[in-house]
Amino acid sequence: MIRFPFLCPRTAITARALLPTISTRTLASGRVTASQELTDEELAEARIWLSQLTPRTIPRNIGDVSYSRSSGPGGQNVNKVNSKATLKIPLPSILRLVPRALHAEIRSSRYTAERSDSLVIQSDETRKQTKNLDLCFQKLQELLVTAGRVAVPGETSPEQRKKVQALEKANNESRIRYKKAHSMKKSGRRPSSYDD
């Protein structure tokens, strides 16, 4: 048993109890985001791909569709009709269709089922199977767009770059003026070099 006086004087803690906290913190601080390890070509490809993405551009045979009974109010329709749509897409099949920049965000989405290594998207908002299936594909498209917003940084326009450069230049000039004024103030405090 090791005693740590800074925690509590009468508490004894083993060194193993601190290991998970320490290792988690080290890993979290050394984490690299996906956009830092991507090339400019990959980011440009991802931007183009995202601009052309619609719910209709996603292939309908990308995953398995199943229908089941919906829950909640609705009376006989809910009790008798399988209107809830469930779209199950294996992650390898979706990841080969999307740019590499989006992979990490898709894997960490709320629709990811870890055990089956797939995306599971469900919809039971309407009373019709076809509309619920369309809503599943719309949710998939929203997931991809959201992943793109997070993973792919926006492009900076030339006007914005010029504006930032002008602000940096003005800031640097202001800093230099301040340093010169501070230097003059300090040099005025020094005694003169000639003797009286």
C-alpha atoms as a PDB file:
ATOM      1  CA  MET A   1       0.000   0.000   0.000  1.00  0.00           C
ATOM      2  CA  ILE A   2       1.221   3.439  -0.928  1.00  0.00           C
ATOM      3  CA  ARG A   3       0.048   6.522   0.896  1.00  0.00           C
ATOM      4  CA  PHE A   4      -0.512   9.737  -1.018  1.00  0.00           C
ATOM      5  CA  PRO A   5      -0.617  12.620   1.476  1.00  0.00           C
ATOM      6  CA  PHE A   6      -2.038  15.061  -1.050  1.00  0.00           C
ATOM      7  CA  LEU A   7      -5.215  12.983  -1.517  1.00  0.00           C
ATOM      8  CA  CYS A   8      -6.302  12.276   2.010  1.00  0.00           C
ATOM      9  CA  PRO A   9      -3.987  11.693   4.967  1.00  0.00           C
ATOM     10  CA  ARG A  10      -5.709   8.512   6.153  1.00  0.00           C
ATOM     11  CA  THR A  11      -6.508   6.946   2.784  1.00  0.00           C
ATOM     12  CA  ALA A  12      -4.306   4.220   1.398  1.00  0.00           C
ATOM     13  CA  ILE A  13      -4.397   3.730  -2.383  1.00  0.00           C
ATOM     14  CA  THR A  14      -2.612   1.185  -4.465  1.00  0.00           C
ATOM     15  CA  ALA A  15      -0.612   2.421  -7.432  1.00  0.00           C
ATOM     16  CA  ARG A  16      -2.744   0.276  -9.760  1.00  0.00           C
ATOM     17  CA  ALA A  17      -5.814   2.350  -8.915  1.00  0.00           C
ATOM     18  CA  LEU A  18      -4.232   5.353 -10.615  1.00  0.00           C
ATOM     19  CA  LEU A  19      -3.138   3.564 -13.807  1.00  0.00           C
ATOM     20  CA  PRO A  20      -6.405   3.774 -15.798  1.00  0.00           C
ATOM     21  CA  THR A  21      -6.696   7.500 -15.141  1.00  0.00           C
ATOM     22  CA  ILE A  22      -3.101   8.196 -16.103  1.00  0.00           C
ATOM     23  CA  SER A  23      -3.149   6.088 -19.269  1.00  0.00           C
ATOM     24  CA  THR A  24      -6.473   7.555 -20.422  1.00  0.00           C
ATOM     25  CA  ARG A  25      -5.187  11.073 -19.969  1.00  0.00           C
ATOM     26  CA  THR A  26      -1.992  10.355 -21.891  1.00  0.00           C
ATOM     27  CA  LEU A  27      -3.882   8.836 -24.787  1.00  0.00           C
ATOM     28  CA  ALA A  28      -6.420  11.644 -24.879  1.00  0.00           C
ATOM     29  CA  SER A  29      -3.744  14.330 -24.975  1.00  0.00           C
ATOM     30  CA  GLY A  30      -1.835  12.625 -27.793  1.00  0.00           C
ATOM     31  CA  ARG A  31      -4.882  12.222 -30.006  1.00  0.00           C
ATOM     32  CA  VAL A  32      -4.598  13.402 -33.607  1.00  0.00           C
ATOM     33  CA  THR A  33      -7.692  14.496 -35.476  1.00  0.00           C
ATOM     34  CA  ALA A  34      -8.546  12.945 -38.820  1.00  0.00           C
ATOM     35  CA  SER A  35      -8.221  16.226 -40.735  1.00  0.00           C
ATOM     36  CA  GLN A  36      -4.572  16.631 -39.629  1.00  0.00           C
ATOM     37  CA  GLU A  37      -3.457  13.396 -41.277  1.00  0.00           C
ATOM     38  CA  LEU A  38      -5.369  13.841 -44.549  1.00  0.00           C
ATOM     39  CA  THR A  39      -3.851  15.261 -47.703  1.00  0.00           C
ATOM     40  CA  ASP A  40      -5.255  18.270 -49.539  1.00  0.00           C
ATOM     41  CA  GLU A  41      -6.343  16.014 -52.408  1.00  0.00           C
ATOM     42  CA  GLU A  42      -8.348  13.802 -50.038  1.00  0.00           C
ATOM     43  CA  LEU A  43     -10.030  16.827 -48.495  1.00  0.00           C
ATOM     44  CA  ALA A  44     -10.855  18.254 -51.932  1.00  0.00           C
ATOM     45  CA  GLU A  45     -12.258  14.880 -53.007  1.00  0.00           C
ATOM     46  CA  ALA A  46     -14.385  14.744 -49.840  1.00  0.00           C
ATOM     47  CA  ARG A  47     -15.732  18.273 -50.459  1.00  0.00           C
ATOM     48  CA  ILE A  48     -16.739  17.380 -54.038  1.00  0.00           C
ATOM     49  CA  TRP A  49     -18.309  14.096 -52.919  1.00  0.00           C
ATOM     50  CA  LEU A  50     -20.320  15.845 -50.195  1.00  0.00           C
ATOM     51  CA  SER A  51     -21.563  18.547 -52.578  1.00  0.00           C
ATOM     52  CA  GLN A  52     -23.005  15.878 -54.903  1.00  0.00           C
ATOM     53  CA  LEU A  53     -24.597  13.780 -52.136  1.00  0.00           C
ATOM     54  CA  THR A  54     -28.398  13.437 -52.017  1.00  0.00           C
ATOM     55  CA  PRO A  55     -30.619  10.716 -50.524  1.00  0.00           C
ATOM     56  CA  ARG A  56     -31.152   9.395 -54.077  1.00  0.00           C
ATOM     57  CA  THR A  57     -27.411   9.043 -54.825  1.00  0.00           C
ATOM     58  CA  ILE A  58     -27.052   6.441 -52.073  1.00  0.00           C
ATOM     59  CA  PRO A  59     -27.578   2.993 -53.648  1.00  0.00           C
ATOM     60  CA  ARG A  60     -30.771   1.321 -52.400  1.00  0.00           C
ATOM     61  CA  ASN A  61     -29.142  -2.101 -52.252  1.00  0.00           C
ATOM     62  CA  ILE A  62     -26.367  -0.967 -49.899  1.00  0.00           C
ATOM     63  CA  GLY A  63     -27.805  -2.838 -46.927  1.00  0.00           C
ATOM     64  CA  ASP A  64     -30.568  -5.060 -45.635  1.00  0.00           C
ATOM     65  CA  VAL A  65     -34.046  -3.638 -45.114  1.00  0.00           C
ATOM     66  CA  SER A  66     -36.463  -5.198 -42.679  1.00  0.00           C
ATOM     67  CA  TYR A  67     -39.906  -4.152 -41.537  1.00  0.00           C
ATOM     68  CA  SER A  68     -41.419  -4.656 -38.113  1.00  0.00           C
ATOM     69  CA  ARG A  69     -44.352  -3.452 -36.064  1.00  0.00           C
ATOM     70  CA  SER A  70     -44.106   0.118 -34.938  1.00  0.00           C
ATOM     71  CA  SER A  71     -44.620   1.231 -31.350  1.00  0.00           C
ATOM     72  CA  GLY A  72     -46.669   3.984 -29.795  1.00  0.00           C
ATOM     73  CA  PRO A  73     -50.155   5.277 -30.608  1.00  0.00           C
ATOM     74  CA  GLY A  74     -51.838   4.363 -33.864  1.00  0.00           C
ATOM     75  CA  GLY A  75     -54.436   1.764 -33.043  1.00  0.00           C
ATOM     76  CA  GLN A  76     -55.006  -1.097 -35.425  1.00  0.00           C
ATOM     77  CA  ASN A  77     -52.351   0.101 -37.886  1.00  0.00           C
ATOM     78  CA  VAL A  78     -49.603  -0.153 -35.252  1.00  0.00           C
ATOM     79  CA  ASN A  79     -50.849  -3.521 -34.011  1.00  0.00           C
ATOM     80  CA  LYS A  80     -51.328  -5.256 -37.373  1.00  0.00           C
ATOM     81  CA  VAL A  81     -49.048  -3.669 -39.991  1.00  0.00           C
ATOM     82  CA  ASN A  82     -45.250  -3.889 -40.235  1.00  0.00           C
ATOM     83  CA  SER A  83     -44.566  -0.244 -41.071  1.00  0.00           C
ATOM     84  CA  LYS A  84     -41.362   0.435 -39.106  1.00  0.00           C
ATOM     85  CA  ALA A  85     -38.362   0.311 -41.458  1.00  0.00           C
ATOM     86  CA  THR A  86     -34.918  -0.793 -40.281  1.00  0.00           C
ATOM     87  CA  LEU A  87     -31.936  -0.274 -42.569  1.00  0.00           C
ATOM     88  CA  LYS A  88     -28.853  -2.288 -41.591  1.00  0.00           C
ATOM     89  CA  ILE A  89     -25.706  -1.381 -43.520  1.00  0.00           C
ATOM     90  CA  PRO A  90     -22.421  -3.245 -42.926  1.00  0.00           C
ATOM     91  CA  LEU A  91     -19.691  -0.686 -42.198  1.00  0.00           C
ATOM     92  CA  PRO A  92     -17.242  -2.106 -44.777  1.00  0.00           C
ATOM     93  CA  SER A  93     -19.809  -1.643 -47.561  1.00  0.00           C
ATOM     94  CA  ILE A  94     -20.537   2.006 -46.659  1.00  0.00           C
ATOM     95  CA  LEU A  95     -16.905   2.906 -45.930  1.00  0.00           C
ATOM     96  CA  ARG A  96     -15.709   1.848 -49.373  1.00  0.00           C
ATOM     97  CA  LEU A  97     -18.220   4.257 -50.943  1.00  0.00           C
ATOM     98  CA  VAL A  98     -17.395   7.349 -48.882  1.00  0.00           C
ATOM     99  CA  PRO A  99     -14.137   9.349 -48.762  1.00  0.00           C
ATOM    100  CA  ARG A 100     -11.579   8.343 -46.140  1.00  0.00           C
ATOM    101  CA  ALA A 101     -12.010  11.690 -44.378  1.00  0.00           C
ATOM    102  CA  LEU A 102     -15.452  10.627 -43.130  1.00  0.00           C
ATOM    103  CA  HIS A 103     -14.583   7.147 -41.855  1.00  0.00           C
ATOM    104  CA  ALA A 104     -13.810   8.062 -38.232  1.00  0.00           C
ATOM    105  CA  GLU A 105     -16.966  10.154 -37.839  1.00  0.00           C
ATOM    106  CA  ILE A 106     -19.161   7.434 -39.327  1.00  0.00           C
ATOM    107  CA  ARG A 107     -17.653   4.824 -37.013  1.00  0.00           C
ATOM    108  CA  SER A 108     -18.389   7.023 -33.988  1.00  0.00           C
ATOM    109  CA  SER A 109     -21.961   7.914 -34.992  1.00  0.00           C
ATOM    110  CA  ARG A 110     -24.964   7.089 -32.849  1.00  0.00           C
ATOM    111  CA  TYR A 111     -26.241   4.673 -35.499  1.00  0.00           C
ATOM    112  CA  THR A 112     -23.186   2.406 -35.259  1.00  0.00           C
ATOM    113  CA  ALA A 113     -23.796  -1.054 -33.791  1.00  0.00           C
ATOM    114  CA  GLU A 114     -20.451  -2.244 -32.445  1.00  0.00           C
ATOM    115  CA  ARG A 115     -21.340  -5.931 -32.184  1.00  0.00           C
ATOM    116  CA  SER A 116     -22.489  -6.349 -35.765  1.00  0.00           C
ATOM    117  CA  ASP A 117     -20.031  -3.781 -37.208  1.00  0.00           C
ATOM    118  CA  SER A 118     -22.828  -2.033 -39.061  1.00  0.00           C
ATOM    119  CA  LEU A 119     -25.010   1.051 -39.141  1.00  0.00           C
ATOM    120  CA  VAL A 120     -28.583   0.467 -37.977  1.00  0.00           C
ATOM    121  CA  ILE A 121     -31.042   3.202 -38.932  1.00  0.00           C
ATOM    122  CA  GLN A 122     -34.722   2.944 -38.033  1.00  0.00           C
ATOM    123  CA  SER A 123     -37.779   4.995 -38.853  1.00  0.00           C
ATOM    124  CA  ASP A 124     -41.362   4.614 -37.696  1.00  0.00           C
ATOM    125  CA  GLU A 125     -42.510   8.208 -38.127  1.00  0.00           C
ATOM    126  CA  THR A 126     -45.142   7.507 -40.779  1.00  0.00           C
ATOM    127  CA  ARG A 127     -47.748   4.791 -41.349  1.00  0.00           C
ATOM    128  CA  LYS A 128     -46.271   3.735 -44.714  1.00  0.00           C
ATOM    129  CA  GLN A 129     -43.337   1.373 -45.235  1.00  0.00           C
ATOM    130  CA  THR A 130     -42.006   3.188 -48.300  1.00  0.00           C
ATOM    131  CA  LYS A 131     -41.987   6.586 -46.594  1.00  0.00           C
ATOM    132  CA  ASN A 132     -40.242   5.124 -43.561  1.00  0.00           C
ATOM    133  CA  LEU A 133     -37.626   3.543 -45.827  1.00  0.00           C
ATOM    134  CA  ASP A 134     -37.111   6.902 -47.557  1.00  0.00           C
ATOM    135  CA  LEU A 135     -36.700   8.493 -44.118  1.00  0.00           C
ATOM    136  CA  CYS A 136     -34.031   5.897 -43.266  1.00  0.00           C
ATOM    137  CA  PHE A 137     -32.047   6.884 -46.362  1.00  0.00           C
ATOM    138  CA  GLN A 138     -32.593  10.555 -45.529  1.00  0.00           C
ATOM    139  CA  LYS A 139     -31.180   9.933 -42.027  1.00  0.00           C
ATOM    140  CA  LEU A 140     -28.199   8.173 -43.606  1.00  0.00           C
ATOM    141  CA  GLN A 141     -27.614  11.164 -45.875  1.00  0.00           C
ATOM    142  CA  GLU A 142     -27.863  13.544 -42.877  1.00  0.00           C
ATOM    143  CA  LEU A 143     -25.349  11.376 -41.021  1.00  0.00           C
ATOM    144  CA  LEU A 144     -22.898  11.599 -43.935  1.00  0.00           C
ATOM    145  CA  VAL A 145     -23.356  15.375 -44.274  1.00  0.00           C
ATOM    146  CA  THR A 146     -22.861  15.895 -40.532  1.00  0.00           C
ATOM    147  CA  ALA A 147     -19.760  13.700 -40.597  1.00  0.00           C
ATOM    148  CA  GLY A 148     -18.479  15.807 -43.484  1.00  0.00           C
ATOM    149  CA  ARG A 149     -19.051  19.063 -41.613  1.00  0.00           C
ATOM    150  CA  VAL A 150     -17.095  17.771 -38.627  1.00  0.00           C
ATOM    151  CA  ALA A 151     -14.281  15.973 -40.459  1.00  0.00           C
ATOM    152  CA  VAL A 152     -13.675  18.205 -43.483  1.00  0.00           C
ATOM    153  CA  PRO A 153     -12.677  21.798 -42.760  1.00  0.00           C
ATOM    154  CA  GLY A 154     -14.124  24.463 -45.026  1.00  0.00           C
ATOM    155  CA  GLU A 155     -12.071  26.070 -47.759  1.00  0.00           C
ATOM    156  CA  THR A 156     -10.769  29.568 -47.163  1.00  0.00           C
ATOM    157  CA  SER A 157     -11.604  32.030 -49.910  1.00  0.00           C
ATOM    158  CA  PRO A 158      -8.841  34.274 -51.357  1.00  0.00           C
ATOM    159  CA  GLU A 159     -10.617  37.363 -49.965  1.00  0.00           C
ATOM    160  CA  GLN A 160     -10.640  35.852 -46.478  1.00  0.00           C
ATOM    161  CA  ARG A 161      -6.940  34.982 -46.761  1.00  0.00           C
ATOM    162  CA  LYS A 162      -6.124  38.583 -47.762  1.00  0.00           C
ATOM    163  CA  LYS A 163      -8.201  39.890 -44.859  1.00  0.00           C
ATOM    164  CA  VAL A 164      -6.393  37.626 -42.379  1.00  0.00           C
ATOM    165  CA  GLN A 165      -2.989  38.615 -43.782  1.00  0.00           C
ATOM    166  CA  ALA A 166      -3.889  42.311 -43.461  1.00  0.00           C
ATOM    167  CA  LEU A 167      -5.011  41.786 -39.855  1.00  0.00           C
ATOM    168  CA  GLU A 168      -1.809  39.896 -39.034  1.00  0.00           C
ATOM    169  CA  LYS A 169       0.275  42.654 -40.628  1.00  0.00           C
ATOM    170  CA  ALA A 170      -1.577  45.374 -38.688  1.00  0.00           C
ATOM    171  CA  ASN A 171      -1.192  43.399 -35.470  1.00  0.00           C
ATOM    172  CA  ASN A 172       2.545  42.972 -36.061  1.00  0.00           C
ATOM    173  CA  GLU A 173       3.014  46.685 -36.817  1.00  0.00           C
ATOM    174  CA  SER A 174       1.090  47.612 -33.673  1.00  0.00           C
ATOM    175  CA  ARG A 175       3.244  45.246 -31.620  1.00  0.00           C
ATOM    176  CA  ILE A 176       6.444  46.748 -33.040  1.00  0.00           C
ATOM    177  CA  ARG A 177       5.207  50.320 -32.359  1.00  0.00           C
ATOM    178  CA  TYR A 178       4.437  49.353 -28.762  1.00  0.00           C
ATOM    179  CA  LYS A 179       7.873  47.767 -28.335  1.00  0.00           C
ATOM    180  CA  LYS A 180       9.610  50.880 -29.719  1.00  0.00           C
ATOM    181  CA  ALA A 181       7.609  53.180 -27.431  1.00  0.00           C
ATOM    182  CA  HIS A 182       8.411  50.950 -24.458  1.00  0.00           C
ATOM    183  CA  SER A 183      12.092  50.968 -25.427  1.00  0.00           C
ATOM    184  CA  MET A 184      12.108  54.777 -25.709  1.00  0.00           C
ATOM    185  CA  LYS A 185      10.454  55.086 -22.294  1.00  0.00           C
ATOM    186  CA  LYS A 186      13.065  52.819 -20.712  1.00  0.00           C
ATOM    187  CA  SER A 187      15.966  54.567 -22.461  1.00  0.00           C
ATOM    188  CA  GLY A 188      14.685  57.906 -21.132  1.00  0.00           C
ATOM    189  CA  ARG A 189      15.091  56.569 -17.590  1.00  0.00           C
ATOM    190  CA  ARG A 190      18.791  55.771 -18.053  1.00  0.00           C
ATOM    191  CA  PRO A 191      21.331  58.317 -16.866  1.00  0.00           C
ATOM    192  CA  SER A 192      23.090  60.243 -19.608  1.00  0.00           C
ATOM    193  CA  SER A 193      26.595  59.170 -20.618  1.00  0.00           C
ATOM    194  CA  TYR A 194      28.234  62.624 -20.183  1.00  0.00           C
ATOM    195  CA  ASP A 195      29.532  63.884 -16.806  1.00  0.00           C
ATOM    196  CA  ASP A 196      28.609  67.249 -15.265  1.00  0.00           C
END
